[in-house]
Amino acid sequence: MLERRVLVITIHDEPGAGTRAAPLTRISDLVHGYRPASVVIVLDQPAPTRAALGVVLRAHRLCSRLGLVLSVAAHSAPVRRLLAALADTEDGIRLVVHARADTAIATATALTTAA
């Protein structure tokens, strides 16, 4: 979904440990195709696995290289803390993690509108 230059991607199913490249390729294609101002990934699973977290962290690196802010919405507090701790911030673009998808989308939209 593309809303006010914010690309919202929902991950419904867990990627298998050996198939992490497929979701990341789809995310990369969407980001390059739509050229959004920012990206929100919604983890729709109650307890995402390492494979899903790996996809999010790789997407964060991709978005950082492109100068895009990536926000993530995850229900689980331990998952949110883990993502925040593991996110690479060498380039200065921090991974923004929210508990609710609507908050993540509203914040990304506000940042995009302000820019």
Protein backbone atom coordinates (compact mmCIF):
# COMPACT_ATOMS: atom_id res chain seq x y z
CA MET A 1 0.00 0.00 0.00
CA LEU A 2 1.29 3.47 -0.83
CA GLU A 3 -0.17 6.26 1.26
CA ARG A 4 1.10 9.85 0.96
CA ARG A 5 4.49 8.65 -0.28
CA VAL A 6 4.75 6.13 2.59
CA LEU A 7 5.12 2.54 1.41
CA VAL A 8 3.42 0.17 3.89
CA ILE A 9 4.44 -3.49 3.64
CA THR A 10 2.76 -6.11 5.81
CA ILE A 11 4.53 -9.41 6.41
CA HIS A 12 1.75 -11.92 7.10
CA ASP A 13 3.65 -15.19 6.77
CA GLU A 14 6.95 -16.24 8.18
CA PRO A 15 9.71 -16.55 5.62
CA GLY A 16 11.52 -19.85 5.88
CA ALA A 17 15.10 -19.77 7.08
CA GLY A 18 16.29 -20.62 3.57
CA THR A 19 13.96 -18.21 1.75
CA ARG A 20 14.79 -14.85 3.30
CA ALA A 21 16.04 -13.56 -0.03
CA ALA A 22 12.60 -13.70 -1.67
CA PRO A 23 10.83 -11.27 0.71
CA LEU A 24 13.83 -8.93 0.66
CA THR A 25 13.85 -8.98 -3.15
CA ARG A 26 10.14 -8.10 -3.18
CA ILE A 27 10.73 -5.26 -0.69
CA SER A 28 13.65 -3.98 -2.78
CA ASP A 29 11.53 -4.09 -5.95
CA LEU A 30 8.71 -2.17 -4.23
CA VAL A 31 11.08 0.47 -2.83
CA HIS A 32 12.81 0.99 -6.17
CA GLY A 33 9.54 0.90 -8.11
CA TYR A 34 7.51 3.29 -5.97
CA ARG A 35 10.36 5.51 -4.73
CA PRO A 36 8.58 6.32 -1.46
CA ALA A 37 9.64 9.00 1.01
CA SER A 38 9.65 6.40 3.80
CA VAL A 39 8.77 2.76 4.42
CA VAL A 40 6.75 1.01 7.15
CA ILE A 41 6.96 -2.75 7.66
CA VAL A 42 4.18 -4.31 9.72
CA LEU A 43 5.01 -7.66 11.32
CA ASP A 44 1.59 -9.24 11.47
CA GLN A 45 2.65 -12.39 13.33
CA PRO A 46 2.24 -12.66 17.12
CA ALA A 47 5.85 -13.81 17.55
CA PRO A 48 8.02 -13.26 14.46
CA THR A 49 10.91 -15.68 13.96
CA ARG A 50 14.57 -14.92 13.38
CA ALA A 51 13.92 -15.20 9.64
CA ALA A 52 11.33 -12.39 9.72
CA LEU A 53 13.59 -10.23 11.89
CA GLY A 54 16.45 -10.87 9.47
CA VAL A 55 14.32 -9.63 6.58
CA VAL A 56 13.46 -6.46 8.51
CA LEU A 57 17.09 -5.78 9.40
CA ARG A 58 18.21 -6.29 5.80
CA ALA A 59 15.41 -4.00 4.62
CA HIS A 60 16.65 -1.42 7.12
CA ARG A 61 20.13 -1.56 5.60
CA LEU A 62 18.63 -1.23 2.09
CA CYS A 63 16.51 1.77 3.10
CA SER A 64 19.44 3.37 4.91
CA ARG A 65 21.60 3.12 1.79
CA LEU A 66 18.79 4.85 -0.14
CA GLY A 67 18.37 7.56 2.51
CA LEU A 68 14.92 6.34 3.57
CA VAL A 69 13.57 6.04 7.09
CA LEU A 70 12.23 2.56 7.82
CA SER A 71 9.68 2.12 10.59
CA VAL A 72 8.51 -1.22 11.93
CA ALA A 73 5.32 -2.11 13.77
CA ALA A 74 5.43 -5.23 15.95
CA HIS A 75 3.01 -6.33 18.67
CA SER A 76 5.65 -8.03 20.82
CA ALA A 77 7.64 -5.81 23.20
CA PRO A 78 10.62 -8.24 23.26
CA VAL A 79 10.67 -8.24 19.45
CA ARG A 80 10.61 -4.43 19.38
CA ARG A 81 13.51 -4.25 21.84
CA LEU A 82 15.49 -6.85 19.87
CA LEU A 83 14.98 -5.02 16.58
CA ALA A 84 16.05 -1.72 18.11
CA ALA A 85 19.15 -3.35 19.61
CA LEU A 86 20.18 -5.19 16.43
CA ALA A 87 19.55 -2.39 13.94
CA ASP A 88 22.69 -1.08 12.29
CA THR A 89 22.99 2.69 12.72
CA GLU A 90 26.46 3.24 11.26
CA ASP A 91 25.05 5.56 8.60
CA GLY A 92 23.04 7.58 11.11
CA ILE A 93 19.55 6.44 10.04
CA ARG A 94 17.89 4.82 13.00
CA LEU A 95 15.31 2.06 12.75
CA VAL A 96 12.05 3.40 14.18
CA VAL A 97 10.05 0.73 16.03
CA HIS A 98 6.40 1.06 17.08
CA ALA A 99 3.90 -1.17 18.87
CA ARG A 100 1.01 -0.38 16.52
CA ALA A 101 0.79 -0.16 12.76
CA ASP A 102 -1.44 2.93 12.77
CA THR A 103 1.09 4.80 14.91
CA ALA A 104 3.97 3.79 12.64
CA ILE A 105 2.08 4.89 9.53
CA ALA A 106 0.93 8.19 11.10
CA THR A 107 4.47 9.00 12.26
CA ALA A 108 5.99 8.15 8.86
CA THR A 109 3.31 10.23 7.12
CA ALA A 110 3.97 13.19 9.42
CA LEU A 111 7.73 12.97 8.81
CA THR A 112 7.17 12.74 5.06
CA THR A 113 4.80 15.71 5.07
CA ALA A 114 7.22 17.80 7.16
CA ALA A 115 10.16 17.09 4.84
